[in-house]
Amino acid sequence: MIVPVELFAAAAAALGRTTDALELPDGAVLGDLMDALGTRAAASDDPANAAAVLARCTYLVDGVATSDRDAPLTAGDAVDVLPPFSGG
């Protein structure tokens, strides 16, 4: 299945893209997607920084924040990757 991913701010900068489409096996969970992004981070211009940024990110599955690596993903789910940010 293909899972669309949107990367924001430092996550987009670290991976050099704002969107991605990850091919994952049926029955995949959020941890599988996180691992796939980790593989992309390892191939980036600054792997250590990319990995550090991804480790601090919040993951939204269809707009709902989760940190549960066992959260199931289904075809058509959209995942947003949001690094910590501040504002006011």
C-alpha atoms as a PDB file:
ATOM      1  CA  MET A   1       0.000   0.000   0.000  1.00  0.00           C
ATOM      2  CA  ILE A   2       1.081   3.578  -0.576  1.00  0.00           C
ATOM      3  CA  VAL A   3       0.941   5.975   2.377  1.00  0.00           C
ATOM      4  CA  PRO A   4       1.289   9.686   1.585  1.00  0.00           C
ATOM      5  CA  VAL A   5       3.491  11.621   3.997  1.00  0.00           C
ATOM      6  CA  GLU A   6       3.731  15.372   4.411  1.00  0.00           C
ATOM      7  CA  LEU A   7       6.838  16.718   6.131  1.00  0.00           C
ATOM      8  CA  PHE A   8       6.900  20.135   7.770  1.00  0.00           C
ATOM      9  CA  ALA A   9       9.579  22.671   8.745  1.00  0.00           C
ATOM     10  CA  ALA A  10      12.783  21.048  10.055  1.00  0.00           C
ATOM     11  CA  ALA A  11      11.618  17.566   9.020  1.00  0.00           C
ATOM     12  CA  ALA A  12      11.188  18.740   5.423  1.00  0.00           C
ATOM     13  CA  ALA A  13      14.550  20.509   5.502  1.00  0.00           C
ATOM     14  CA  ALA A  14      16.333  17.488   6.976  1.00  0.00           C
ATOM     15  CA  LEU A  15      14.967  15.081   4.361  1.00  0.00           C
ATOM     16  CA  GLY A  16      15.078  17.557   1.490  1.00  0.00           C
ATOM     17  CA  ARG A  17      11.403  17.208   0.565  1.00  0.00           C
ATOM     18  CA  THR A  18       7.984  18.309   1.763  1.00  0.00           C
ATOM     19  CA  THR A  19       6.067  15.255   0.596  1.00  0.00           C
ATOM     20  CA  ASP A  20       6.738  11.581   0.127  1.00  0.00           C
ATOM     21  CA  ALA A  21       4.797   8.462  -0.705  1.00  0.00           C
ATOM     22  CA  LEU A  22       5.996   5.384   1.136  1.00  0.00           C
ATOM     23  CA  GLU A  23       5.222   1.910  -0.085  1.00  0.00           C
ATOM     24  CA  LEU A  24       4.488  -0.253   2.937  1.00  0.00           C
ATOM     25  CA  PRO A  25       3.164  -3.802   3.196  1.00  0.00           C
ATOM     26  CA  ASP A  26      -0.495  -4.383   3.972  1.00  0.00           C
ATOM     27  CA  GLY A  27      -0.882  -4.533   7.748  1.00  0.00           C
ATOM     28  CA  ALA A  28       1.891  -1.983   8.312  1.00  0.00           C
ATOM     29  CA  VAL A  29       1.966   0.055  11.502  1.00  0.00           C
ATOM     30  CA  LEU A  30       3.264   3.540  12.276  1.00  0.00           C
ATOM     31  CA  GLY A  31       6.595   2.067  13.383  1.00  0.00           C
ATOM     32  CA  ASP A  32       7.096   0.648   9.882  1.00  0.00           C
ATOM     33  CA  LEU A  33       6.560   4.097   8.406  1.00  0.00           C
ATOM     34  CA  MET A  34       8.920   5.643  10.963  1.00  0.00           C
ATOM     35  CA  ASP A  35      11.560   3.046  10.060  1.00  0.00           C
ATOM     36  CA  ALA A  36      11.113   3.797   6.345  1.00  0.00           C
ATOM     37  CA  LEU A  37      11.616   7.494   7.035  1.00  0.00           C
ATOM     38  CA  GLY A  38      14.703   6.555   9.056  1.00  0.00           C
ATOM     39  CA  THR A  39      16.084   4.823   5.975  1.00  0.00           C
ATOM     40  CA  ARG A  40      15.472   8.002   3.985  1.00  0.00           C
ATOM     41  CA  ALA A  41      17.209   9.988   6.748  1.00  0.00           C
ATOM     42  CA  ALA A  42      20.270   7.740   6.522  1.00  0.00           C
ATOM     43  CA  ALA A  43      20.547   8.621   2.821  1.00  0.00           C
ATOM     44  CA  SER A  44      20.138  12.379   3.377  1.00  0.00           C
ATOM     45  CA  ASP A  45      22.879  15.008   3.194  1.00  0.00           C
ATOM     46  CA  ASP A  46      23.156  15.084   7.008  1.00  0.00           C
ATOM     47  CA  PRO A  47      22.026  11.687   8.327  1.00  0.00           C
ATOM     48  CA  ALA A  48      22.690  12.420  12.006  1.00  0.00           C
ATOM     49  CA  ASN A  49      20.657  15.632  11.928  1.00  0.00           C
ATOM     50  CA  ALA A  50      17.826  14.034   9.937  1.00  0.00           C
ATOM     51  CA  ALA A  51      17.597  11.138  12.391  1.00  0.00           C
ATOM     52  CA  ALA A  52      17.624  13.523  15.365  1.00  0.00           C
ATOM     53  CA  VAL A  53      14.859  15.654  13.841  1.00  0.00           C
ATOM     54  CA  LEU A  54      12.664  12.635  13.065  1.00  0.00           C
ATOM     55  CA  ALA A  55      13.130  11.311  16.616  1.00  0.00           C
ATOM     56  CA  ARG A  56      11.604  14.525  18.025  1.00  0.00           C
ATOM     57  CA  CYS A  57       8.681  14.707  15.600  1.00  0.00           C
ATOM     58  CA  THR A  58       5.000  14.263  16.274  1.00  0.00           C
ATOM     59  CA  TYR A  59       3.185  11.975  13.841  1.00  0.00           C
ATOM     60  CA  LEU A  60      -0.411  12.629  12.841  1.00  0.00           C
ATOM     61  CA  VAL A  61      -2.373   9.840  11.176  1.00  0.00           C
ATOM     62  CA  ASP A  62      -5.366  11.338   9.407  1.00  0.00           C
ATOM     63  CA  GLY A  63      -5.050  14.414  11.618  1.00  0.00           C
ATOM     64  CA  VAL A  64      -4.816  12.553  14.937  1.00  0.00           C
ATOM     65  CA  ALA A  65      -1.536  12.708  16.869  1.00  0.00           C
ATOM     66  CA  THR A  66      -0.091   9.394  17.983  1.00  0.00           C
ATOM     67  CA  SER A  67       3.223   8.164  19.324  1.00  0.00           C
ATOM     68  CA  ASP A  68       2.108   4.520  19.285  1.00  0.00           C
ATOM     69  CA  ARG A  69       4.490   2.684  16.966  1.00  0.00           C
ATOM     70  CA  ASP A  70       1.916  -0.119  16.816  1.00  0.00           C
ATOM     71  CA  ALA A  71      -0.853   2.145  15.486  1.00  0.00           C
ATOM     72  CA  PRO A  72      -2.206   0.436  12.360  1.00  0.00           C
ATOM     73  CA  LEU A  73      -2.030   2.116   8.975  1.00  0.00           C
ATOM     74  CA  THR A  74      -4.398   1.445   6.121  1.00  0.00           C
ATOM     75  CA  ALA A  75      -4.337   2.361   2.454  1.00  0.00           C
ATOM     76  CA  GLY A  76      -5.476   5.940   2.105  1.00  0.00           C
ATOM     77  CA  ASP A  77      -4.235   7.096   5.514  1.00  0.00           C
ATOM     78  CA  ALA A  78      -2.320  10.364   5.366  1.00  0.00           C
ATOM     79  CA  VAL A  79       0.579  10.939   7.753  1.00  0.00           C
ATOM     80  CA  ASP A  80       1.935  14.354   8.734  1.00  0.00           C
ATOM     81  CA  VAL A  81       5.378  14.647  10.323  1.00  0.00           C
ATOM     82  CA  LEU A  82       5.653  17.711  12.551  1.00  0.00           C
ATOM     83  CA  PRO A  83       8.849  18.692  14.339  1.00  0.00           C
ATOM     84  CA  PRO A  84       8.636  20.643  17.589  1.00  0.00           C
ATOM     85  CA  PHE A  85       7.993  24.322  17.029  1.00  0.00           C
ATOM     86  CA  SER A  86       7.073  27.338  19.062  1.00  0.00           C
ATOM     87  CA  GLY A  87       5.040  30.381  18.399  1.00  0.00           C
ATOM     88  CA  GLY A  88       2.597  32.631  19.971  1.00  0.00           C
END
